PDB file of N, CA and C in Angstrom:
ATOM      1  N   MET A   1      -8.290  11.340  -7.517  1.00  0.00           N
ATOM      2  CA  MET A   1      -8.220  10.306  -8.512  1.00  0.00           C
ATOM      3  C   MET A   1      -9.475   9.448  -8.402  1.00  0.00           C
ATOM      4  N   ASN A   2     -10.133   9.247  -9.495  1.00  0.00           N
ATOM      5  CA  ASN A   2     -11.301   8.377  -9.531  1.00  0.00           C
ATOM      6  C   ASN A   2     -10.891   7.012 -10.058  1.00  0.00           C
ATOM      7  N   LEU A   3     -11.261   5.972  -9.323  1.00  0.00           N
ATOM      8  CA  LEU A   3     -10.930   4.617  -9.719  1.00  0.00           C
ATOM      9  C   LEU A   3     -12.121   3.963 -10.406  1.00  0.00           C
ATOM     10  N   THR A   4     -11.839   3.175 -11.428  1.00  0.00           N
ATOM     11  CA  THR A   4     -12.890   2.377 -12.051  1.00  0.00           C
ATOM     12  C   THR A   4     -13.202   1.208 -11.125  1.00  0.00           C
ATOM     13  N   GLY A   5     -14.282   0.511 -11.410  1.00  0.00           N
ATOM     14  CA  GLY A   5     -14.630  -0.655 -10.600  1.00  0.00           C
ATOM     15  C   GLY A   5     -13.529  -1.703 -10.628  1.00  0.00           C
ATOM     16  N   GLU A   6     -12.934  -1.939 -11.797  1.00  0.00           N
ATOM     17  CA  GLU A   6     -11.852  -2.922 -11.918  1.00  0.00           C
ATOM     18  C   GLU A   6     -10.623  -2.468 -11.132  1.00  0.00           C
ATOM     19  N   GLU A   7     -10.296  -1.175 -11.187  1.00  0.00           N
ATOM     20  CA  GLU A   7      -9.145  -0.668 -10.429  1.00  0.00           C
ATOM     21  C   GLU A   7      -9.380  -0.797  -8.925  1.00  0.00           C
ATOM     22  N   LEU A   8     -10.583  -0.544  -8.492  1.00  0.00           N
ATOM     23  CA  LEU A   8     -10.910  -0.682  -7.072  1.00  0.00           C
ATOM     24  C   LEU A   8     -10.794  -2.140  -6.632  1.00  0.00           C
ATOM     25  N   ARG A   9     -11.285  -3.068  -7.451  1.00  0.00           N
ATOM     26  CA  ARG A   9     -11.143  -4.497  -7.131  1.00  0.00           C
ATOM     27  C   ARG A   9      -9.670  -4.885  -7.069  1.00  0.00           C
ATOM     28  N   ALA A  10      -8.886  -4.398  -8.035  1.00  0.00           N
ATOM     29  CA  ALA A  10      -7.449  -4.700  -8.052  1.00  0.00           C
ATOM     30  C   ALA A  10      -6.782  -4.159  -6.791  1.00  0.00           C
ATOM     31  N   TYR A  11      -7.125  -2.936  -6.403  1.00  0.00           N
ATOM     32  CA  TYR A  11      -6.571  -2.326  -5.183  1.00  0.00           C
ATOM     33  C   TYR A  11      -6.891  -3.186  -3.966  1.00  0.00           C
ATOM     34  N   ARG A  12      -8.146  -3.580  -3.842  1.00  0.00           N
ATOM     35  CA  ARG A  12      -8.571  -4.389  -2.688  1.00  0.00           C
ATOM     36  C   ARG A  12      -7.881  -5.744  -2.654  1.00  0.00           C
ATOM     37  N   GLU A  13      -7.554  -6.266  -3.840  1.00  0.00           N
ATOM     38  CA  GLU A  13      -6.868  -7.559  -3.927  1.00  0.00           C
ATOM     39  C   GLU A  13      -5.352  -7.407  -3.874  1.00  0.00           C
ATOM     40  N   GLY A  14      -4.867  -6.173  -3.828  1.00  0.00           N
ATOM     41  CA  GLY A  14      -3.432  -5.935  -3.742  1.00  0.00           C
ATOM     42  C   GLY A  14      -2.713  -6.018  -5.074  1.00  0.00           C
ATOM     43  N   ARG A  15      -3.452  -5.903  -6.177  1.00  0.00           N
ATOM     44  CA  ARG A  15      -2.848  -5.962  -7.510  1.00  0.00           C
ATOM     45  C   ARG A  15      -2.544  -4.567  -8.028  1.00  0.00           C
ATOM     46  N   ILE A  16      -1.467  -4.444  -8.770  1.00  0.00           N
ATOM     47  CA  ILE A  16      -1.088  -3.176  -9.392  1.00  0.00           C
ATOM     48  C   ILE A  16      -2.028  -2.893 -10.558  1.00  0.00           C
ATOM     49  N   SER A  17      -2.480  -1.633 -10.659  1.00  0.00           N
ATOM     50  CA  SER A  17      -3.320  -1.212 -11.777  1.00  0.00           C
ATOM     51  C   SER A  17      -2.538  -0.258 -12.659  1.00  0.00           C
ATOM     52  N   ALA A  18      -2.450  -0.596 -13.936  1.00  0.00           N
ATOM     53  CA  ALA A  18      -1.741   0.252 -14.889  1.00  0.00           C
ATOM     54  C   ALA A  18      -2.739   1.097 -15.668  1.00  0.00           C
ATOM     55  N   ARG A  19      -2.439   2.373 -15.769  1.00  0.00           N
ATOM     56  CA  ARG A  19      -3.167   3.302 -16.636  1.00  0.00           C
ATOM     57  C   ARG A  19      -2.164   3.880 -17.606  1.00  0.00           C
ATOM     58  N   GLU A  20      -2.658   4.572 -18.614  1.00  0.00           N
ATOM     59  CA  GLU A  20      -1.712   5.159 -19.570  1.00  0.00           C
ATOM     60  C   GLU A  20      -0.887   6.284 -18.945  1.00  0.00           C
ATOM     61  N   ASP A  21      -1.358   6.837 -17.811  1.00  0.00           N
ATOM     62  CA  ASP A  21      -0.619   7.928 -17.165  1.00  0.00           C
ATOM     63  C   ASP A  21       0.163   7.490 -15.934  1.00  0.00           C
ATOM     64  N   GLY A  22       0.120   6.197 -15.580  1.00  0.00           N
ATOM     65  CA  GLY A  22       0.900   5.746 -14.436  1.00  0.00           C
ATOM     66  C   GLY A  22       0.393   4.443 -13.850  1.00  0.00           C
ATOM     67  N   LEU A  23       0.862   4.173 -12.635  1.00  0.00           N
ATOM     68  CA  LEU A  23       0.510   2.928 -11.932  1.00  0.00           C
ATOM     69  C   LEU A  23      -0.036   3.239 -10.546  1.00  0.00           C
ATOM     70  N   LEU A  24      -1.053   2.502 -10.150  1.00  0.00           N
ATOM     71  CA  LEU A  24      -1.545   2.535  -8.777  1.00  0.00           C
ATOM     72  C   LEU A  24      -1.003   1.276  -8.106  1.00  0.00           C
ATOM     73  N   VAL A  25      -0.170   1.462  -7.087  1.00  0.00           N
ATOM     74  CA  VAL A  25       0.514   0.348  -6.431  1.00  0.00           C
ATOM     75  C   VAL A  25       0.027   0.253  -4.983  1.00  0.00           C
ATOM     76  N   PRO A  26      -0.854  -0.723  -4.678  1.00  0.00           N
ATOM     77  CA  PRO A  26      -1.304  -0.906  -3.298  1.00  0.00           C
ATOM     78  C   PRO A  26      -0.152  -1.363  -2.411  1.00  0.00           C
ATOM     79  N   LEU A  27      -0.105  -0.842  -1.207  1.00  0.00           N
ATOM     80  CA  LEU A  27       0.949  -1.212  -0.252  1.00  0.00           C
ATOM     81  C   LEU A  27       0.386  -2.254   0.709  1.00  0.00           C
ATOM     82  N   THR A  28       0.465  -3.497   0.295  1.00  0.00           N
ATOM     83  CA  THR A  28      -0.057  -4.589   1.106  1.00  0.00           C
ATOM     84  C   THR A  28       1.049  -5.142   1.980  1.00  0.00           C
ATOM     85  N   GLY A  29       0.714  -5.429   3.196  1.00  0.00           N
ATOM     86  CA  GLY A  29       1.654  -6.083   4.110  1.00  0.00           C
ATOM     87  C   GLY A  29       1.087  -7.446   4.441  1.00  0.00           C
ATOM     88  N   GLN A  30       0.863  -7.674   5.724  1.00  0.00           N
ATOM     89  CA  GLN A  30       0.231  -8.917   6.143  1.00  0.00           C
ATOM     90  C   GLN A  30      -1.276  -8.845   5.884  1.00  0.00           C
ATOM     91  N   TYR A  31      -1.812  -7.631   5.896  1.00  0.00           N
ATOM     92  CA  TYR A  31      -3.244  -7.419   5.745  1.00  0.00           C
ATOM     93  C   TYR A  31      -3.536  -6.711   4.430  1.00  0.00           C
ATOM     94  N   ARG A  32      -4.797  -6.523   4.147  1.00  0.00           N
ATOM     95  CA  ARG A  32      -5.221  -5.849   2.921  1.00  0.00           C
ATOM     96  C   ARG A  32      -4.714  -4.408   2.902  1.00  0.00           C
ATOM     97  N   ALA A  33      -4.411  -3.916   1.714  1.00  0.00           N
ATOM     98  CA  ALA A  33      -3.858  -2.569   1.564  1.00  0.00           C
ATOM     99  C   ALA A  33      -4.819  -1.513   2.108  1.00  0.00           C
ATOM    100  N   ARG A  34      -4.250  -0.549   2.819  1.00  0.00           N
ATOM    101  CA  ARG A  34      -5.010   0.616   3.298  1.00  0.00           C
ATOM    102  C   ARG A  34      -4.553   1.883   2.598  1.00  0.00           C
ATOM    103  N   ILE A  35      -3.363   1.827   2.016  1.00  0.00           N
ATOM    104  CA  ILE A  35      -2.823   2.969   1.283  1.00  0.00           C
ATOM    105  C   ILE A  35      -2.179   2.456  -0.004  1.00  0.00           C
ATOM    106  N   ALA A  36      -1.911   3.387  -0.902  1.00  0.00           N
ATOM    107  CA  ALA A  36      -1.279   3.022  -2.171  1.00  0.00           C
ATOM    108  C   ALA A  36      -0.361   4.147  -2.623  1.00  0.00           C
ATOM    109  N   MET A  37       0.540   3.801  -3.530  1.00  0.00           N
ATOM    110  CA  MET A  37       1.404   4.797  -4.177  1.00  0.00           C
ATOM    111  C   MET A  37       0.881   5.009  -5.590  1.00  0.00           C
ATOM    112  N   TRP A  38       0.931   6.237  -6.060  1.00  0.00           N
ATOM    113  CA  TRP A  38       0.619   6.534  -7.450  1.00  0.00           C
ATOM    114  C   TRP A  38       1.935   6.915  -8.117  1.00  0.00           C
ATOM    115  N   LEU A  39       2.358   6.132  -9.087  1.00  0.00           N
ATOM    116  CA  LEU A  39       3.588   6.410  -9.827  1.00  0.00           C
ATOM    117  C   LEU A  39       3.216   7.046 -11.157  1.00  0.00           C
ATOM    118  N   ILE A  40       3.581   8.307 -11.320  1.00  0.00           N
ATOM    119  CA  ILE A  40       3.270   9.025 -12.552  1.00  0.00           C
ATOM    120  C   ILE A  40       4.292   8.644 -13.612  1.00  0.00           C
ATOM    121  N   ALA A  41       3.793   8.086 -14.701  1.00  0.00           N
ATOM    122  CA  ALA A  41       4.686   7.653 -15.787  1.00  0.00           C
ATOM    123  C   ALA A  41       3.883   7.592 -17.084  1.00  0.00           C
ATOM    124  N   PRO A  42       3.548   8.765 -17.650  1.00  0.00           N
ATOM    125  CA  PRO A  42       2.734   8.782 -18.867  1.00  0.00           C
ATOM    126  C   PRO A  42       3.395   8.019 -20.014  1.00  0.00           C
ATOM    127  N   GLY A  43       2.627   7.142 -20.647  1.00  0.00           N
ATOM    128  CA  GLY A  43       3.079   6.437 -21.831  1.00  0.00           C
ATOM    129  C   GLY A  43       4.108   5.350 -21.595  1.00  0.00           C
ATOM    130  N   ARG A  44       4.467   5.091 -20.362  1.00  0.00           N
ATOM    131  CA  ARG A  44       5.513   4.099 -20.077  1.00  0.00           C
ATOM    132  C   ARG A  44       4.935   2.693 -20.090  1.00  0.00           C
ATOM    133  N   THR A  45       5.693   1.772 -20.631  1.00  0.00           N
ATOM    134  CA  THR A  45       5.323   0.366 -20.528  1.00  0.00           C
ATOM    135  C   THR A  45       6.139  -0.250 -19.398  1.00  0.00           C
ATOM    136  N   TRP A  46       5.552  -1.207 -18.728  1.00  0.00           N
ATOM    137  CA  TRP A  46       6.167  -1.807 -17.555  1.00  0.00           C
ATOM    138  C   TRP A  46       6.436  -3.280 -17.817  1.00  0.00           C
ATOM    139  N   PRO A  47       7.688  -3.646 -18.001  1.00  0.00           N
ATOM    140  CA  PRO A  47       8.020  -5.072 -18.165  1.00  0.00           C
ATOM    141  C   PRO A  47       7.633  -5.855 -16.906  1.00  0.00           C
ATOM    142  N   GLU A  48       7.319  -7.123 -17.096  1.00  0.00           N
ATOM    143  CA  GLU A  48       6.884  -7.963 -15.978  1.00  0.00           C
ATOM    144  C   GLU A  48       7.918  -8.008 -14.851  1.00  0.00           C
ATOM    145  N   GLU A  49       9.198  -7.993 -15.195  1.00  0.00           N
ATOM    146  CA  GLU A  49      10.249  -8.012 -14.161  1.00  0.00           C
ATOM    147  C   GLU A  49      10.171  -6.760 -13.281  1.00  0.00           C
ATOM    148  N   GLU A  50       9.931  -5.596 -13.877  1.00  0.00           N
ATOM    149  CA  GLU A  50       9.801  -4.360 -13.082  1.00  0.00           C
ATOM    150  C   GLU A  50       8.548  -4.405 -12.216  1.00  0.00           C
ATOM    151  N   LEU A  51       7.458  -4.936 -12.752  1.00  0.00           N
ATOM    152  CA  LEU A  51       6.234  -5.055 -11.956  1.00  0.00           C
ATOM    153  C   LEU A  51       6.443  -6.007 -10.783  1.00  0.00           C
ATOM    154  N   ARG A  52       7.180  -7.081 -11.012  1.00  0.00           N
ATOM    155  CA  ARG A  52       7.479  -8.022  -9.928  1.00  0.00           C
ATOM    156  C   ARG A  52       8.279  -7.328  -8.822  1.00  0.00           C
ATOM    157  N   LEU A  53       9.274  -6.530  -9.218  1.00  0.00           N
ATOM    158  CA  LEU A  53      10.066  -5.794  -8.232  1.00  0.00           C
ATOM    159  C   LEU A  53       9.220  -4.761  -7.499  1.00  0.00           C
ATOM    160  N   LEU A  54       8.341  -4.083  -8.218  1.00  0.00           N
ATOM    161  CA  LEU A  54       7.445  -3.110  -7.579  1.00  0.00           C
ATOM    162  C   LEU A  54       6.536  -3.789  -6.561  1.00  0.00           C
ATOM    163  N   ARG A  55       6.030  -4.970  -6.888  1.00  0.00           N
ATOM    164  CA  ARG A  55       5.185  -5.704  -5.930  1.00  0.00           C
ATOM    165  C   ARG A  55       5.972  -6.043  -4.675  1.00  0.00           C
ATOM    166  N   GLN A  56       7.224  -6.455  -4.837  1.00  0.00           N
ATOM    167  CA  GLN A  56       8.051  -6.774  -3.675  1.00  0.00           C
ATOM    168  C   GLN A  56       8.299  -5.543  -2.813  1.00  0.00           C
ATOM    169  N   VAL A  57       8.654  -4.438  -3.450  1.00  0.00           N
ATOM    170  CA  VAL A  57       8.902  -3.192  -2.708  1.00  0.00           C
ATOM    171  C   VAL A  57       7.628  -2.731  -2.018  1.00  0.00           C
ATOM    172  N   ALA A  58       6.495  -2.798  -2.724  1.00  0.00           N
ATOM    173  CA  ALA A  58       5.222  -2.383  -2.141  1.00  0.00           C
ATOM    174  C   ALA A  58       4.886  -3.236  -0.917  1.00  0.00           C
ATOM    175  N   HIS A  59       5.189  -4.516  -0.985  1.00  0.00           N
ATOM    176  CA  HIS A  59       4.925  -5.404   0.152  1.00  0.00           C
ATOM    177  C   HIS A  59       5.803  -5.013   1.350  1.00  0.00           C
ATOM    178  N   LEU A  60       7.073  -4.743   1.111  1.00  0.00           N
ATOM    179  CA  LEU A  60       7.965  -4.345   2.200  1.00  0.00           C
ATOM    180  C   LEU A  60       7.531  -3.019   2.823  1.00  0.00           C
ATOM    181  N   ILE A  61       7.132  -2.071   1.987  1.00  0.00           N
ATOM    182  CA  ILE A  61       6.640  -0.792   2.510  1.00  0.00           C
ATOM    183  C   ILE A  61       5.356  -1.020   3.301  1.00  0.00           C
ATOM    184  N   GLY A  62       4.476  -1.882   2.799  1.00  0.00           N
ATOM    185  CA  GLY A  62       3.237  -2.190   3.502  1.00  0.00           C
ATOM    186  C   GLY A  62       3.482  -2.811   4.862  1.00  0.00           C
ATOM    187  N   ILE A  63       4.450  -3.718   4.953  1.00  0.00           N
ATOM    188  CA  ILE A  63       4.794  -4.335   6.239  1.00  0.00           C
ATOM    189  C   ILE A  63       5.305  -3.274   7.216  1.00  0.00           C
ATOM    190  N   GLU A  64       6.154  -2.387   6.734  1.00  0.00           N
ATOM    191  CA  GLU A  64       6.671  -1.317   7.602  1.00  0.00           C
ATOM    192  C   GLU A  64       5.543  -0.387   8.047  1.00  0.00           C
ATOM    193  N   TYR A  65       4.637  -0.052   7.147  1.00  0.00           N
ATOM    194  CA  TYR A  65       3.496   0.794   7.486  1.00  0.00           C
ATOM    195  C   TYR A  65       2.670   0.141   8.605  1.00  0.00           C
ATOM    196  N   GLU A  66       2.405  -1.161   8.465  1.00  0.00           N
ATOM    197  CA  GLU A  66       1.637  -1.867   9.495  1.00  0.00           C
ATOM    198  C   GLU A  66       2.372  -1.885  10.835  1.00  0.00           C
ATOM    199  N   ARG A  67       3.690  -2.060  10.793  1.00  0.00           N
ATOM    200  CA  ARG A  67       4.484  -2.070  12.027  1.00  0.00           C
ATOM    201  C   ARG A  67       4.385  -0.727  12.739  1.00  0.00           C
ATOM    202  N   VAL A  68       4.551   0.350  11.985  1.00  0.00           N
ATOM    203  CA  VAL A  68       4.478   1.697  12.567  1.00  0.00           C
ATOM    204  C   VAL A  68       3.076   1.964  13.115  1.00  0.00           C
ATOM    205  N   GLN A  69       2.048   1.568  12.379  1.00  0.00           N
ATOM    206  CA  GLN A  69       0.676   1.764  12.859  1.00  0.00           C
ATOM    207  C   GLN A  69       0.440   0.971  14.142  1.00  0.00           C
ATOM    208  N   GLY A  70       0.973  -0.235  14.224  1.00  0.00           N
ATOM    209  CA  GLY A  70       0.844  -1.042  15.442  1.00  0.00           C
ATOM    210  C   GLY A  70       1.523  -0.384  16.626  1.00  0.00           C
ATOM    211  N   GLN A  71       2.714   0.164  16.413  1.00  0.00           N
ATOM    212  CA  GLN A  71       3.423   0.863  17.492  1.00  0.00           C
ATOM    213  C   GLN A  71       2.645   2.088  17.952  1.00  0.00           C
ATOM    214  N   ARG A  72       2.086   2.824  17.012  1.00  0.00           N
ATOM    215  CA  ARG A  72       1.288   4.009  17.378  1.00  0.00           C
ATOM    216  C   ARG A  72       0.069   3.597  18.189  1.00  0.00           C
ATOM    217  N   HIS A  73      -0.573   2.532  17.780  1.00  0.00           N
ATOM    218  CA  HIS A  73      -1.751   2.051  18.495  1.00  0.00           C
ATOM    219  C   HIS A  73      -1.388   1.679  19.938  1.00  0.00           C
ATOM    220  N   LEU A  74      -0.293   0.955  20.100  1.00  0.00           N
ATOM    221  CA  LEU A  74       0.136   0.570  21.445  1.00  0.00           C
ATOM    222  C   LEU A  74       0.517   1.781  22.291  1.00  0.00           C
ATOM    223  N   ALA A  75       1.147   2.771  21.676  1.00  0.00           N
ATOM    224  CA  ALA A  75       1.528   3.985  22.410  1.00  0.00           C
ATOM    225  C   ALA A  75       0.287   4.735  22.883  1.00  0.00           C
ATOM    226  N   VAL A  76      -0.726   4.823  22.043  1.00  0.00           N
ATOM    227  CA  VAL A  76      -1.947   5.516  22.429  1.00  0.00           C
ATOM    228  C   VAL A  76      -2.663   4.745  23.544  1.00  0.00           C
ATOM    229  N   ARG A  77      -2.720   3.437  23.423  1.00  0.00           N
ATOM    230  CA  ARG A  77      -3.344   2.627  24.489  1.00  0.00           C
ATOM    231  C   ARG A  77      -2.617   2.821  25.803  1.00  0.00           C
ATOM    232  N   SER A  78      -1.285   2.891  25.740  1.00  0.00           N
ATOM    233  CA  SER A  78      -0.504   3.091  26.948  1.00  0.00           C
ATOM    234  C   SER A  78      -0.800   4.453  27.569  1.00  0.00           C
ATOM    235  N   LEU A  79      -0.895   5.481  26.748  1.00  0.00           N
ATOM    236  CA  LEU A  79      -1.202   6.824  27.250  1.00  0.00           C
ATOM    237  C   LEU A  79      -2.611   6.896  27.844  1.00  0.00           C
ATOM    238  N   MET A  80      -3.536   6.203  27.224  1.00  0.00           N
ATOM    239  CA  MET A  80      -4.923   6.261  27.677  1.00  0.00           C
ATOM    240  C   MET A  80      -5.142   5.467  28.966  1.00  0.00           C
ATOM    241  N   SER A  81      -4.311   4.460  29.207  1.00  0.00           N
ATOM    242  CA  SER A  81      -4.492   3.648  30.406  1.00  0.00           C
ATOM    243  C   SER A  81      -3.887   4.313  31.643  1.00  0.00           C
ATOM    244  N   GLY A  82      -3.106   5.357  31.417  1.00  0.00           N
ATOM    245  CA  GLY A  82      -2.529   6.080  32.553  1.00  0.00           C
ATOM    246  C   GLY A  82      -1.281   5.395  33.081  1.00  0.00           C
ATOM    247  N   PRO A  83      -0.712   5.964  34.132  1.00  0.00           N
ATOM    248  CA  PRO A  83       0.513   5.395  34.700  1.00  0.00           C
ATOM    249  C   PRO A  83       0.251   4.016  35.302  1.00  0.00           C
ATOM    250  N   ALA A  84       1.219   3.142  35.104  1.00  0.00           N
ATOM    251  CA  ALA A  84       1.106   1.814  35.701  1.00  0.00           C
ATOM    252  C   ALA A  84       1.355   1.921  37.211  1.00  0.00           C
ATOM    253  N   GLY A  85       0.650   1.147  37.933  1.00  0.00           N
ATOM    254  CA  GLY A  85       0.923   1.264  39.352  1.00  0.00           C
ATOM    255  C   GLY A  85       0.165   0.432  40.238  1.00  0.00           C
TER     256      GLY A  85
END
């Protein structure tokens, strides 16, 4: 998927980008989005209430993603430091 300059700015700012073929939904948590969901929905219009709900869900998914990444980071650090002793 190729993003326009405006779509890339929206992604970096955590804003949803609507195209005629779907939505790009950044998964922001506490930090800036590192991943996004692409929702395929050709020709669909998105009422503001649905977009608000999507932003909330995307934020919750983003928080969970960050939590899992943090746990993985700590697990790798623990493995690399060797046995405690």
